Protein backbone atom coordinates (compact mmCIF):
# COMPACT_ATOMS: atom_id res chain seq x y z
CA MET A 1 170.18 131.66 133.09
CA LYS A 2 168.91 131.89 129.36
CA LYS A 3 171.64 132.36 127.03
CA ALA A 4 171.31 135.54 124.47
CA PHE A 5 172.93 133.61 121.45
CA SER A 6 173.01 130.95 119.56
CA TRP A 7 175.92 128.37 119.21
CA ILE A 8 176.48 126.99 115.79
CA PRO A 9 177.87 123.48 115.78
CA ASN A 10 181.37 123.05 115.15
CA SER A 11 182.16 123.01 111.32
CA TYR A 12 185.04 120.82 110.12
CA ASN A 13 185.97 120.56 106.79
CA ASN A 14 188.78 118.06 107.67
CA LEU A 15 190.61 117.11 111.55
CA GLU A 16 192.76 119.99 111.41
CA ASP A 17 190.59 122.64 110.26
CA LEU A 18 188.00 123.00 112.94
CA HIS A 19 186.22 126.13 113.79
CA THR A 20 183.23 127.64 115.87
CA TYR A 21 180.90 129.98 115.48
CA VAL A 22 178.90 132.04 117.77
CA ILE A 23 175.90 134.55 116.53
CA THR A 24 173.93 136.90 119.24
CA THR A 25 171.79 139.43 118.13
CA VAL A 26 172.41 142.91 118.82
CA GLU A 27 169.39 145.08 117.80
CA PRO A 28 166.71 143.49 115.42
CA ASN A 29 168.70 143.89 112.02
CA ILE A 30 172.21 144.02 114.18
CA TYR A 31 174.30 140.75 114.58
CA LEU A 32 177.82 140.45 116.60
CA VAL A 33 179.33 136.96 114.35
CA ILE A 34 182.06 135.27 116.44
CA VAL A 35 184.66 133.06 114.88
CA PHE A 36 187.00 130.89 116.84
CA GLU A 37 190.26 129.26 114.93
CA SER A 38 189.44 126.36 117.02
CA LYS A 39 186.82 124.05 119.24
CA LYS A 40 185.33 126.20 122.13
CA SER A 41 182.74 125.05 125.20
CA GLU A 42 179.06 126.27 125.25
CA LYS A 43 180.18 126.71 128.65
CA ASP A 44 182.93 128.75 128.29
CA VAL A 45 182.42 131.84 130.75
CA PHE A 46 184.78 134.25 129.83
CA ILE A 47 182.96 133.71 126.18
CA GLU A 48 179.59 134.32 127.48
CA THR A 49 180.35 137.34 130.00
CA PHE A 50 182.45 138.95 126.74
CA ILE A 51 179.52 138.39 124.57
CA SER A 52 176.97 139.60 127.18
CA GLU A 53 179.11 142.82 127.84
CA MET A 54 179.69 143.62 124.15
CA CYS A 55 175.91 143.65 123.27
CA THR A 56 175.14 145.42 126.46
CA ASN A 57 178.07 148.01 125.15
CA LEU A 58 176.75 148.20 121.75
CA ARG A 59 172.87 148.62 122.57
CA CYS A 60 174.52 151.07 124.58
CA THR A 61 172.67 149.99 127.77
CA LYS A 62 174.41 151.66 130.17
CA VAL A 63 173.87 155.27 128.24
CA PHE A 64 170.03 155.22 127.84
CA THR A 65 169.79 154.01 131.35
CA SER A 66 172.39 156.73 133.20
CA LEU A 67 169.45 159.61 130.90
CA LYS A 68 166.48 158.20 131.85
CA TYR A 69 167.55 158.37 135.77
CA THR A 70 169.04 162.49 134.85
CA PHE A 71 165.78 163.47 133.45
CA LYS A 72 163.10 162.43 136.18
């Protein structure tokens, strides 16, 4: 499964200041950016699921699908 979002490499100024950034495109001009105050793995299923569900909700995919089938 291809990921629909990008992990930006961990960024830190010193060993105590470690952050992980995740960015994804919701719509062409809307981006979802999540910043974690600690190092996170790219294989974290919880984060992948959260981002996928959040993008689906922000795009209103379920609402548009239900409207499409209602009017047929």
